[in-house]
Amino acid sequence: MITVVVNFDLPPGTTLADATARFQDSSQKYLGAPGLLRKFYLYNEENMVGGGAYVFGTRAEADALLNADWVASITERYGSPPRLTYFESPVVVDNVAGEIIS
């Protein structure tokens, strides 16, 4: 599995409520996205940073979704280009399902 952590600067003064509304507005486009297993939206008020943690089956699936058009849409939506960091995720502890995935 591949985890991609995405960060972008939020417009000054963005509250948790503001960020939540924006995140909820975009969430439907990720539901059922090919290769995307999970997405966690991220908000950090102290540093005015938003983002997401995306979990994919493969790097190719990540690259297919998080492409140049996606980067442009995030930049337009938040006024800041996203910073992407890719991680191999060889072991995942899922306490909800009660399993370890490797």
C-alpha atoms as a PDB file:
ATOM      1  CA  MET A   1       0.000   0.000   0.000  1.00  0.00           C
ATOM      2  CA  ILE A   2       0.964   3.616  -0.546  1.00  0.00           C
ATOM      3  CA  THR A   3       0.107   6.493   1.771  1.00  0.00           C
ATOM      4  CA  VAL A   4       0.335  10.003   0.375  1.00  0.00           C
ATOM      5  CA  VAL A   5       0.377  12.878   2.838  1.00  0.00           C
ATOM      6  CA  VAL A   6      -0.719  16.116   1.206  1.00  0.00           C
ATOM      7  CA  ASN A   7      -0.315  19.522   2.827  1.00  0.00           C
ATOM      8  CA  PHE A   8      -1.219  23.000   1.610  1.00  0.00           C
ATOM      9  CA  ASP A   9      -1.356  26.409   3.226  1.00  0.00           C
ATOM     10  CA  LEU A  10      -4.839  27.560   4.132  1.00  0.00           C
ATOM     11  CA  PRO A  11      -6.050  31.110   3.625  1.00  0.00           C
ATOM     12  CA  PRO A  12      -5.415  33.166   6.791  1.00  0.00           C
ATOM     13  CA  GLY A  13      -8.231  32.954   9.304  1.00  0.00           C
ATOM     14  CA  THR A  14      -9.618  29.634   8.063  1.00  0.00           C
ATOM     15  CA  THR A  15     -11.486  28.072  10.975  1.00  0.00           C
ATOM     16  CA  LEU A  16     -12.146  24.397  11.584  1.00  0.00           C
ATOM     17  CA  ALA A  17     -15.758  25.017  10.567  1.00  0.00           C
ATOM     18  CA  ASP A  18     -14.614  26.675   7.316  1.00  0.00           C
ATOM     19  CA  ALA A  19     -12.219  23.827   6.538  1.00  0.00           C
ATOM     20  CA  THR A  20     -14.825  21.192   7.403  1.00  0.00           C
ATOM     21  CA  ALA A  21     -17.337  22.787   5.026  1.00  0.00           C
ATOM     22  CA  ARG A  22     -14.768  22.825   2.205  1.00  0.00           C
ATOM     23  CA  PHE A  23     -13.735  19.253   2.940  1.00  0.00           C
ATOM     24  CA  GLN A  24     -17.329  18.018   3.007  1.00  0.00           C
ATOM     25  CA  ASP A  25     -17.955  19.810  -0.277  1.00  0.00           C
ATOM     26  CA  SER A  26     -15.108  17.920  -1.978  1.00  0.00           C
ATOM     27  CA  SER A  27     -15.578  14.560  -0.262  1.00  0.00           C
ATOM     28  CA  GLN A  28     -18.114  13.133  -2.725  1.00  0.00           C
ATOM     29  CA  LYS A  29     -15.615  13.234  -5.591  1.00  0.00           C
ATOM     30  CA  TYR A  30     -13.358  10.821  -3.690  1.00  0.00           C
ATOM     31  CA  LEU A  31     -16.080   8.315  -2.853  1.00  0.00           C
ATOM     32  CA  GLY A  32     -15.497   5.336  -5.136  1.00  0.00           C
ATOM     33  CA  ALA A  33     -12.326   6.822  -6.698  1.00  0.00           C
ATOM     34  CA  PRO A  34     -10.361   4.003  -8.366  1.00  0.00           C
ATOM     35  CA  GLY A  35      -7.569   2.682  -6.150  1.00  0.00           C
ATOM     36  CA  LEU A  36      -8.326   4.996  -3.212  1.00  0.00           C
ATOM     37  CA  LEU A  37      -8.853   2.896  -0.091  1.00  0.00           C
ATOM     38  CA  ARG A  38      -9.202   5.721   2.438  1.00  0.00           C
ATOM     39  CA  LYS A  39      -8.833   9.456   2.708  1.00  0.00           C
ATOM     40  CA  PHE A  40      -8.410  11.434   5.908  1.00  0.00           C
ATOM     41  CA  TYR A  41      -8.828  15.211   5.753  1.00  0.00           C
ATOM     42  CA  LEU A  42      -6.322  17.183   7.838  1.00  0.00           C
ATOM     43  CA  TYR A  43      -6.534  20.599   9.500  1.00  0.00           C
ATOM     44  CA  ASN A  44      -3.909  22.332  11.632  1.00  0.00           C
ATOM     45  CA  GLU A  45      -5.058  25.660  13.019  1.00  0.00           C
ATOM     46  CA  GLU A  46      -1.714  26.555  14.618  1.00  0.00           C
ATOM     47  CA  ASN A  47       0.146  26.486  11.300  1.00  0.00           C
ATOM     48  CA  MET A  48      -2.861  27.211   9.014  1.00  0.00           C
ATOM     49  CA  VAL A  49      -2.202  24.016   7.081  1.00  0.00           C
ATOM     50  CA  GLY A  50      -4.764  21.707   5.568  1.00  0.00           C
ATOM     51  CA  GLY A  51      -4.439  18.535   3.611  1.00  0.00           C
ATOM     52  CA  GLY A  52      -5.161  14.874   3.481  1.00  0.00           C
ATOM     53  CA  ALA A  53      -3.733  11.438   4.048  1.00  0.00           C
ATOM     54  CA  TYR A  54      -4.626   9.166   1.142  1.00  0.00           C
ATOM     55  CA  VAL A  55      -4.201   5.395   1.200  1.00  0.00           C
ATOM     56  CA  PHE A  56      -3.920   3.599  -2.144  1.00  0.00           C
ATOM     57  CA  GLY A  57      -3.233   0.043  -3.188  1.00  0.00           C
ATOM     58  CA  THR A  58      -0.392   1.057  -5.517  1.00  0.00           C
ATOM     59  CA  ARG A  59       1.731   4.034  -6.504  1.00  0.00           C
ATOM     60  CA  ALA A  60       0.224   3.930 -10.007  1.00  0.00           C
ATOM     61  CA  GLU A  61      -3.259   4.357  -8.504  1.00  0.00           C
ATOM     62  CA  ALA A  62      -2.014   7.305  -6.431  1.00  0.00           C
ATOM     63  CA  ASP A  63      -0.427   8.935  -9.471  1.00  0.00           C
ATOM     64  CA  ALA A  64      -3.594   8.448 -11.530  1.00  0.00           C
ATOM     65  CA  LEU A  65      -5.741  10.362  -9.013  1.00  0.00           C
ATOM     66  CA  LEU A  66      -3.239  12.927  -7.743  1.00  0.00           C
ATOM     67  CA  ASN A  67      -2.299  14.135 -11.222  1.00  0.00           C
ATOM     68  CA  ALA A  68      -1.540  17.592 -12.666  1.00  0.00           C
ATOM     69  CA  ASP A  69      -5.245  18.453 -13.007  1.00  0.00           C
ATOM     70  CA  TRP A  70      -5.788  17.528  -9.354  1.00  0.00           C
ATOM     71  CA  VAL A  71      -2.804  19.683  -8.279  1.00  0.00           C
ATOM     72  CA  ALA A  72      -4.245  22.615 -10.255  1.00  0.00           C
ATOM     73  CA  SER A  73      -7.680  22.172  -8.652  1.00  0.00           C
ATOM     74  CA  ILE A  74      -6.239  22.119  -5.118  1.00  0.00           C
ATOM     75  CA  THR A  75      -4.116  25.191  -5.883  1.00  0.00           C
ATOM     76  CA  GLU A  76      -7.167  27.045  -7.174  1.00  0.00           C
ATOM     77  CA  ARG A  77      -9.416  25.931  -4.309  1.00  0.00           C
ATOM     78  CA  TYR A  78      -7.036  26.850  -1.473  1.00  0.00           C
ATOM     79  CA  GLY A  79      -4.730  29.415  -3.078  1.00  0.00           C
ATOM     80  CA  SER A  80      -1.650  27.326  -2.374  1.00  0.00           C
ATOM     81  CA  PRO A  81      -0.060  24.418  -4.254  1.00  0.00           C
ATOM     82  CA  PRO A  82      -0.135  21.068  -2.455  1.00  0.00           C
ATOM     83  CA  ARG A  83       3.015  19.391  -1.151  1.00  0.00           C
ATOM     84  CA  LEU A  84       2.911  15.612  -1.589  1.00  0.00           C
ATOM     85  CA  THR A  85       4.972  13.066   0.336  1.00  0.00           C
ATOM     86  CA  TYR A  86       4.731   9.393  -0.644  1.00  0.00           C
ATOM     87  CA  PHE A  87       5.237   6.554   1.836  1.00  0.00           C
ATOM     88  CA  GLU A  88       5.259   2.788   1.455  1.00  0.00           C
ATOM     89  CA  SER A  89       2.837   1.392   4.047  1.00  0.00           C
ATOM     90  CA  PRO A  90       3.972  -2.208   4.566  1.00  0.00           C
ATOM     91  CA  VAL A  91       2.007  -2.760   7.796  1.00  0.00           C
ATOM     92  CA  VAL A  92      -1.303  -1.220   8.854  1.00  0.00           C
ATOM     93  CA  VAL A  93      -2.999  -1.680  12.230  1.00  0.00           C
ATOM     94  CA  ASP A  94      -6.779  -1.378  11.838  1.00  0.00           C
ATOM     95  CA  ASN A  95      -8.379  -1.297  15.272  1.00  0.00           C
ATOM     96  CA  VAL A  96     -11.859  -0.750  13.832  1.00  0.00           C
ATOM     97  CA  ALA A  97     -11.705  -4.007  11.862  1.00  0.00           C
ATOM     98  CA  GLY A  98      -9.508  -5.629  14.501  1.00  0.00           C
ATOM     99  CA  GLU A  99      -6.796  -6.672  12.084  1.00  0.00           C
ATOM    100  CA  ILE A 100      -3.229  -6.116  11.018  1.00  0.00           C
ATOM    101  CA  ILE A 101      -2.740  -5.776   7.261  1.00  0.00           C
ATOM    102  CA  SER A 102       0.619  -6.450   5.676  1.00  0.00           C
END
